[in-house]
Every structure is written in structure tokens, then in C-alpha cells.
All heavy atoms as atom14 arrays in JSON, in Angstrom:
{
  "sequence": "EADEHRALRYDVGEGLLEIGLVLSSLYFIS",
  "atom14_mask": [
    [1, 1, 1, 1, 1, 1, 1, 1, 1, 0, 0, 0, 0, 0],
    [1, 1, 1, 1, 1, 0, 0, 0, 0, 0, 0, 0, 0, 0],
    [1, 1, 1, 1, 1, 1, 1, 1, 0, 0, 0, 0, 0, 0],
    [1, 1, 1, 1, 1, 1, 1, 1, 1, 0, 0, 0, 0, 0],
    [1, 1, 1, 1, 1, 1, 1, 1, 1, 1, 0, 0, 0, 0],
    [1, 1, 1, 1, 1, 1, 1, 1, 1, 1, 1, 0, 0, 0],
    [1, 1, 1, 1, 1, 0, 0, 0, 0, 0, 0, 0, 0, 0],
    [1, 1, 1, 1, 1, 1, 1, 1, 0, 0, 0, 0, 0, 0],
    [1, 1, 1, 1, 1, 1, 1, 1, 1, 1, 1, 0, 0, 0],
    [1, 1, 1, 1, 1, 1, 1, 1, 1, 1, 1, 1, 0, 0],
    [1, 1, 1, 1, 1, 1, 1, 1, 0, 0, 0, 0, 0, 0],
    [1, 1, 1, 1, 1, 1, 1, 0, 0, 0, 0, 0, 0, 0],
    [1, 1, 1, 1, 0, 0, 0, 0, 0, 0, 0, 0, 0, 0],
    [1, 1, 1, 1, 1, 1, 1, 1, 1, 0, 0, 0, 0, 0],
    [1, 1, 1, 1, 0, 0, 0, 0, 0, 0, 0, 0, 0, 0],
    [1, 1, 1, 1, 1, 1, 1, 1, 0, 0, 0, 0, 0, 0],
    [1, 1, 1, 1, 1, 1, 1, 1, 0, 0, 0, 0, 0, 0],
    [1, 1, 1, 1, 1, 1, 1, 1, 1, 0, 0, 0, 0, 0],
    [1, 1, 1, 1, 1, 1, 1, 1, 0, 0, 0, 0, 0, 0],
    [1, 1, 1, 1, 0, 0, 0, 0, 0, 0, 0, 0, 0, 0],
    [1, 1, 1, 1, 1, 1, 1, 1, 0, 0, 0, 0, 0, 0],
    [1, 1, 1, 1, 1, 1, 1, 0, 0, 0, 0, 0, 0, 0],
    [1, 1, 1, 1, 1, 1, 1, 1, 0, 0, 0, 0, 0, 0],
    [1, 1, 1, 1, 1, 1, 0, 0, 0, 0, 0, 0, 0, 0],
    [1, 1, 1, 1, 1, 1, 0, 0, 0, 0, 0, 0, 0, 0],
    [1, 1, 1, 1, 1, 1, 1, 1, 0, 0, 0, 0, 0, 0],
    [1, 1, 1, 1, 1, 1, 1, 1, 1, 1, 1, 1, 0, 0],
    [1, 1, 1, 1, 1, 1, 1, 1, 1, 1, 1, 0, 0, 0],
    [1, 1, 1, 1, 1, 1, 1, 1, 0, 0, 0, 0, 0, 0],
    [1, 1, 1, 1, 1, 1, 0, 0, 0, 0, 0, 0, 0, 0]
  ],
  "atom14_positions": [
    [[-6.76, -1.98, 34.92], [-7.28, -0.63, 34.68], [-6.48, 0.08, 33.58], [-7.06, 0.7, 32.69], [-7.21, 0.17, 35.99], [-7.87, 1.5, 35.9], [-9.16, 1.55, 36.67], [-9.55, 0.55, 37.28], [-9.8, 2.6, 36.62], [0.0, 0.0, 0.0], [0.0, 0.0, 0.0], [0.0, 0.0, 0.0], [0.0, 0.0, 0.0], [0.0, 0.0, 0.0]],
    [[-5.17, -0.04, 33.63], [-4.32, 0.59, 32.61], [-4.6, -0.01, 31.23], [-4.71, 0.72, 30.23], [-2.85, 0.43, 32.97], [0.0, 0.0, 0.0], [0.0, 0.0, 0.0], [0.0, 0.0, 0.0], [0.0, 0.0, 0.0], [0.0, 0.0, 0.0], [0.0, 0.0, 0.0], [0.0, 0.0, 0.0], [0.0, 0.0, 0.0], [0.0, 0.0, 0.0]],
    [[-4.75, -1.33, 31.18], [-5.06, -1.99, 29.91], [-6.41, -1.54, 29.37], [-6.58, -1.33, 28.16], [-5.06, -3.52, 30.07], [-3.67, -4.1, 30.19], [-2.7, -3.41, 29.8], [-3.56, -5.25, 30.67], [0.0, 0.0, 0.0], [0.0, 0.0, 0.0], [0.0, 0.0, 0.0], [0.0, 0.0, 0.0], [0.0, 0.0, 0.0], [0.0, 0.0, 0.0]],
    [[-7.39, -1.39, 30.25], [-8.73, -0.96, 29.81], [-8.7, 0.47, 29.27], [-9.37, 0.77, 28.27], [-9.73, -1.1, 30.94], [-10.08, -2.55, 31.24], [-10.96, -2.73, 32.46], [-11.18, -1.76, 33.22], [-11.44, -3.86, 32.67], [0.0, 0.0, 0.0], [0.0, 0.0, 0.0], [0.0, 0.0, 0.0], [0.0, 0.0, 0.0], [0.0, 0.0, 0.0]],
    [[-7.92, 1.34, 29.9], [-7.8, 2.71, 29.38], [-7.12, 2.72, 28.01], [-7.53, 3.43, 27.1], [-7.02, 3.59, 30.36], [-7.78, 3.96, 31.58], [-8.91, 4.73, 31.56], [-7.57, 3.66, 32.89], [-9.38, 4.88, 32.78], [-8.58, 4.24, 33.61], [0.0, 0.0, 0.0], [0.0, 0.0, 0.0], [0.0, 0.0, 0.0], [0.0, 0.0, 0.0]],
    [[-6.07, 1.92, 27.88], [-5.35, 1.81, 26.61], [-6.27, 1.24, 25.54], [-6.32, 1.73, 24.41], [-4.11, 0.94, 26.78], [-3.21, 0.92, 25.57], [-1.93, 0.12, 25.8], [-1.19, 0.55, 26.97], [-1.05, -0.18, 28.1], [-1.58, -1.37, 28.2], [-0.37, 0.3, 29.11], [0.0, 0.0, 0.0], [0.0, 0.0, 0.0], [0.0, 0.0, 0.0]],
    [[-7.02, 0.21, 25.88], [-7.93, -0.43, 24.91], [-9.02, 0.55, 24.45], [-9.41, 0.53, 23.28], [-8.56, -1.68, 25.52], [0.0, 0.0, 0.0], [0.0, 0.0, 0.0], [0.0, 0.0, 0.0], [0.0, 0.0, 0.0], [0.0, 0.0, 0.0], [0.0, 0.0, 0.0], [0.0, 0.0, 0.0], [0.0, 0.0, 0.0], [0.0, 0.0, 0.0]],
    [[-9.47, 1.39, 25.36], [-10.48, 2.39, 24.99], [-9.93, 3.34, 23.94], [-10.61, 3.67, 22.96], [-10.95, 3.16, 26.22], [-11.97, 4.28, 25.94], [-13.24, 3.7, 25.34], [-12.26, 5.04, 27.22], [0.0, 0.0, 0.0], [0.0, 0.0, 0.0], [0.0, 0.0, 0.0], [0.0, 0.0, 0.0], [0.0, 0.0, 0.0], [0.0, 0.0, 0.0]],
    [[-8.68, 3.75, 24.1], [-8.05, 4.63, 23.11], [-7.97, 3.92, 21.75], [-8.25, 4.51, 20.71], [-6.64, 5.03, 23.55], [-6.58, 5.82, 24.83], [-7.17, 7.2, 24.63], [-7.07, 7.95, 25.86], [-6.7, 9.21, 25.91], [-6.37, 9.84, 24.8], [-6.66, 9.84, 27.06], [0.0, 0.0, 0.0], [0.0, 0.0, 0.0], [0.0, 0.0, 0.0]],
    [[-7.56, 2.65, 21.78], [-7.49, 1.89, 20.54], [-8.87, 1.74, 19.91], [-9.01, 1.82, 18.68], [-6.88, 0.51, 20.78], [-5.41, 0.51, 21.1], [-4.88, -0.39, 22.01], [-4.53, 1.4, 20.5], [-3.53, -0.41, 22.3], [-3.18, 1.4, 20.79], [-2.68, 0.49, 21.69], [-1.35, 0.48, 21.98], [0.0, 0.0, 0.0], [0.0, 0.0, 0.0]],
    [[-9.89, 1.51, 20.73], [-11.25, 1.34, 20.2], [-11.75, 2.61, 19.52], [-12.35, 2.55, 18.44], [-12.22, 0.93, 21.31], [-11.99, -0.47, 21.82], [-11.3, -1.26, 21.12], [-12.47, -0.79, 22.92], [0.0, 0.0, 0.0], [0.0, 0.0, 0.0], [0.0, 0.0, 0.0], [0.0, 0.0, 0.0], [0.0, 0.0, 0.0], [0.0, 0.0, 0.0]],
    [[-11.5, 3.76, 20.14], [-11.92, 5.03, 19.53], [-11.13, 5.25, 18.23], [-11.7, 5.64, 17.21], [-11.73, 6.21, 20.52], [-11.96, 7.54, 19.82], [-12.67, 6.07, 21.71], [0.0, 0.0, 0.0], [0.0, 0.0, 0.0], [0.0, 0.0, 0.0], [0.0, 0.0, 0.0], [0.0, 0.0, 0.0], [0.0, 0.0, 0.0], [0.0, 0.0, 0.0]],
    [[-9.84, 4.99, 18.28], [-9.02, 5.12, 17.07], [-9.51, 4.2, 15.97], [-9.58, 4.59, 14.8], [0.0, 0.0, 0.0], [0.0, 0.0, 0.0], [0.0, 0.0, 0.0], [0.0, 0.0, 0.0], [0.0, 0.0, 0.0], [0.0, 0.0, 0.0], [0.0, 0.0, 0.0], [0.0, 0.0, 0.0], [0.0, 0.0, 0.0], [0.0, 0.0, 0.0]],
    [[-9.85, 2.97, 16.34], [-10.37, 2.0, 15.38], [-11.65, 2.5, 14.73], [-11.82, 2.44, 13.51], [-10.61, 0.67, 16.08], [-11.08, -0.45, 15.21], [-11.29, -1.75, 15.99], [-11.0, -1.81, 17.2], [-11.77, -2.7, 15.36], [0.0, 0.0, 0.0], [0.0, 0.0, 0.0], [0.0, 0.0, 0.0], [0.0, 0.0, 0.0], [0.0, 0.0, 0.0]],
    [[-12.55, 3.02, 15.54], [-13.82, 3.54, 15.02], [-13.6, 4.7, 14.06], [-14.22, 4.77, 12.98], [0.0, 0.0, 0.0], [0.0, 0.0, 0.0], [0.0, 0.0, 0.0], [0.0, 0.0, 0.0], [0.0, 0.0, 0.0], [0.0, 0.0, 0.0], [0.0, 0.0, 0.0], [0.0, 0.0, 0.0], [0.0, 0.0, 0.0], [0.0, 0.0, 0.0]],
    [[-12.72, 5.63, 14.43], [-12.45, 6.77, 13.55], [-11.77, 6.33, 12.25], [-12.05, 6.89, 11.18], [-11.61, 7.8, 14.29], [-12.36, 8.59, 15.36], [-11.39, 9.39, 16.22], [-13.4, 9.49, 14.75], [0.0, 0.0, 0.0], [0.0, 0.0, 0.0], [0.0, 0.0, 0.0], [0.0, 0.0, 0.0], [0.0, 0.0, 0.0], [0.0, 0.0, 0.0]],
    [[-10.88, 5.36, 12.34], [-10.24, 4.85, 11.11], [-11.26, 4.17, 10.21], [-11.21, 4.31, 8.98], [-9.1, 3.89, 11.46], [-7.82, 4.56, 11.94], [-6.89, 3.55, 12.6], [-7.12, 5.28, 10.8], [0.0, 0.0, 0.0], [0.0, 0.0, 0.0], [0.0, 0.0, 0.0], [0.0, 0.0, 0.0], [0.0, 0.0, 0.0], [0.0, 0.0, 0.0]],
    [[-12.21, 3.44, 10.8], [-13.27, 2.82, 9.99], [-14.11, 3.89, 9.3], [-14.44, 3.76, 8.11], [-14.16, 1.94, 10.87], [-13.51, 0.66, 11.31], [-14.34, -0.15, 12.28], [-15.44, 0.31, 12.68], [-13.9, -1.24, 12.66], [0.0, 0.0, 0.0], [0.0, 0.0, 0.0], [0.0, 0.0, 0.0], [0.0, 0.0, 0.0], [0.0, 0.0, 0.0]],
    [[-14.46, 4.93, 10.04], [-15.23, 6.03, 9.45], [-14.44, 6.68, 8.32], [-14.98, 6.97, 7.25], [-15.62, 7.06, 10.54], [-16.66, 6.46, 11.49], [-16.13, 8.36, 9.92], [-16.89, 7.27, 12.75], [0.0, 0.0, 0.0], [0.0, 0.0, 0.0], [0.0, 0.0, 0.0], [0.0, 0.0, 0.0], [0.0, 0.0, 0.0], [0.0, 0.0, 0.0]],
    [[-13.15, 6.9, 8.55], [-12.3, 7.49, 7.52], [-12.25, 6.64, 6.27], [-12.29, 7.15, 5.14], [0.0, 0.0, 0.0], [0.0, 0.0, 0.0], [0.0, 0.0, 0.0], [0.0, 0.0, 0.0], [0.0, 0.0, 0.0], [0.0, 0.0, 0.0], [0.0, 0.0, 0.0], [0.0, 0.0, 0.0], [0.0, 0.0, 0.0], [0.0, 0.0, 0.0]],
    [[-12.15, 5.35, 6.45], [-12.09, 4.43, 5.31], [-13.39, 4.46, 4.51], [-13.39, 4.55, 3.28], [-11.79, 3.01, 5.79], [-11.68, 1.92, 4.74], [-10.55, 2.24, 3.76], [-11.41, 0.57, 5.4], [0.0, 0.0, 0.0], [0.0, 0.0, 0.0], [0.0, 0.0, 0.0], [0.0, 0.0, 0.0], [0.0, 0.0, 0.0], [0.0, 0.0, 0.0]],
    [[-14.51, 4.44, 5.2], [-15.82, 4.47, 4.52], [-16.02, 5.8, 3.81], [-16.44, 5.84, 2.64], [-16.96, 4.19, 5.53], [-18.32, 4.48, 4.91], [-16.88, 2.76, 6.03], [0.0, 0.0, 0.0], [0.0, 0.0, 0.0], [0.0, 0.0, 0.0], [0.0, 0.0, 0.0], [0.0, 0.0, 0.0], [0.0, 0.0, 0.0], [0.0, 0.0, 0.0]],
    [[-15.7, 6.89, 4.5], [-15.87, 8.21, 3.87], [-14.99, 8.34, 2.63], [-15.44, 8.84, 1.59], [-15.55, 9.33, 4.86], [-16.6, 9.57, 5.95], [-16.08, 10.57, 6.97], [-17.9, 10.07, 5.33], [0.0, 0.0, 0.0], [0.0, 0.0, 0.0], [0.0, 0.0, 0.0], [0.0, 0.0, 0.0], [0.0, 0.0, 0.0], [0.0, 0.0, 0.0]],
    [[-13.76, 7.9, 2.72], [-12.86, 7.97, 1.56], [-13.39, 7.14, 0.4], [-13.28, 7.54, -0.76], [-11.46, 7.48, 1.95], [-10.91, 8.33, 2.91], [0.0, 0.0, 0.0], [0.0, 0.0, 0.0], [0.0, 0.0, 0.0], [0.0, 0.0, 0.0], [0.0, 0.0, 0.0], [0.0, 0.0, 0.0], [0.0, 0.0, 0.0], [0.0, 0.0, 0.0]],
    [[-13.96, 6.01, 0.7], [-14.48, 5.12, -0.34], [-15.7, 5.72, -1.05], [-15.98, 5.35, -2.19], [-14.86, 3.77, 0.26], [-13.72, 3.15, 0.81], [0.0, 0.0, 0.0], [0.0, 0.0, 0.0], [0.0, 0.0, 0.0], [0.0, 0.0, 0.0], [0.0, 0.0, 0.0], [0.0, 0.0, 0.0], [0.0, 0.0, 0.0], [0.0, 0.0, 0.0]],
    [[-16.39, 6.62, -0.39], [-17.56, 7.25, -1.02], [-17.17, 8.09, -2.23], [-18.02, 8.4, -3.08], [-18.33, 8.09, 0.0], [-19.11, 7.3, 1.05], [-19.76, 8.24, 2.05], [-20.16, 6.42, 0.38], [0.0, 0.0, 0.0], [0.0, 0.0, 0.0], [0.0, 0.0, 0.0], [0.0, 0.0, 0.0], [0.0, 0.0, 0.0], [0.0, 0.0, 0.0]],
    [[-15.91, 8.47, -2.35], [-15.46, 9.21, -3.53], [-15.75, 8.43, -4.81], [-16.13, 9.01, -5.82], [-13.95, 9.5, -3.43], [-13.39, 10.03, -4.73], [-13.55, 11.35, -5.08], [-12.74, 9.17, -5.61], [-13.06, 11.83, -6.29], [-12.25, 9.63, -6.82], [-12.41, 10.97, -7.16], [-11.94, 11.43, -8.36], [0.0, 0.0, 0.0], [0.0, 0.0, 0.0]],
    [[-15.57, 7.12, -4.76], [-15.71, 6.3, -5.97], [-17.16, 6.22, -6.43], [-17.42, 5.92, -7.6], [-15.14, 4.9, -5.73], [-13.66, 4.94, -5.46], [-13.18, 4.71, -4.18], [-12.76, 5.25, -6.46], [-11.83, 4.78, -3.92], [-11.41, 5.32, -6.21], [-10.93, 5.08, -4.93], [0.0, 0.0, 0.0], [0.0, 0.0, 0.0], [0.0, 0.0, 0.0]],
    [[-18.09, 6.52, -5.55], [-19.51, 6.56, -5.94], [-19.9, 7.96, -6.38], [-20.58, 8.15, -7.38], [-20.41, 6.11, -4.76], [-20.11, 4.65, -4.41], [-21.87, 6.31, -5.08], [-20.78, 4.17, -3.14], [0.0, 0.0, 0.0], [0.0, 0.0, 0.0], [0.0, 0.0, 0.0], [0.0, 0.0, 0.0], [0.0, 0.0, 0.0], [0.0, 0.0, 0.0]],
    [[-19.44, 8.97, -5.62], [-19.91, 10.33, -5.85], [-18.96, 11.21, -6.66], [-19.38, 12.22, -7.2], [-20.15, 11.02, -4.51], [-18.9, 11.22, -3.86], [0.0, 0.0, 0.0], [0.0, 0.0, 0.0], [0.0, 0.0, 0.0], [0.0, 0.0, 0.0], [0.0, 0.0, 0.0], [0.0, 0.0, 0.0], [0.0, 0.0, 0.0], [0.0, 0.0, 0.0]]
  ]
}
């Protein structure tokens, strides 16, 4: 249970970091 809660935090962090990377990369187009 503790590992699953920790993994959920990492998964949300991972998703937000991916979004941040994609958004930052849009500068080079726009």
C-alpha cells in the first residue's frame, strides 16, 4: 500500500514533467 501511494505521486510528477517538457518545447515553434 505504501509503495502504491508513493508510485502514484511519482506518476503524477512524471505526467506534469512531461507536460512541462512539451510546453517548453513549443517555444521553438511559436
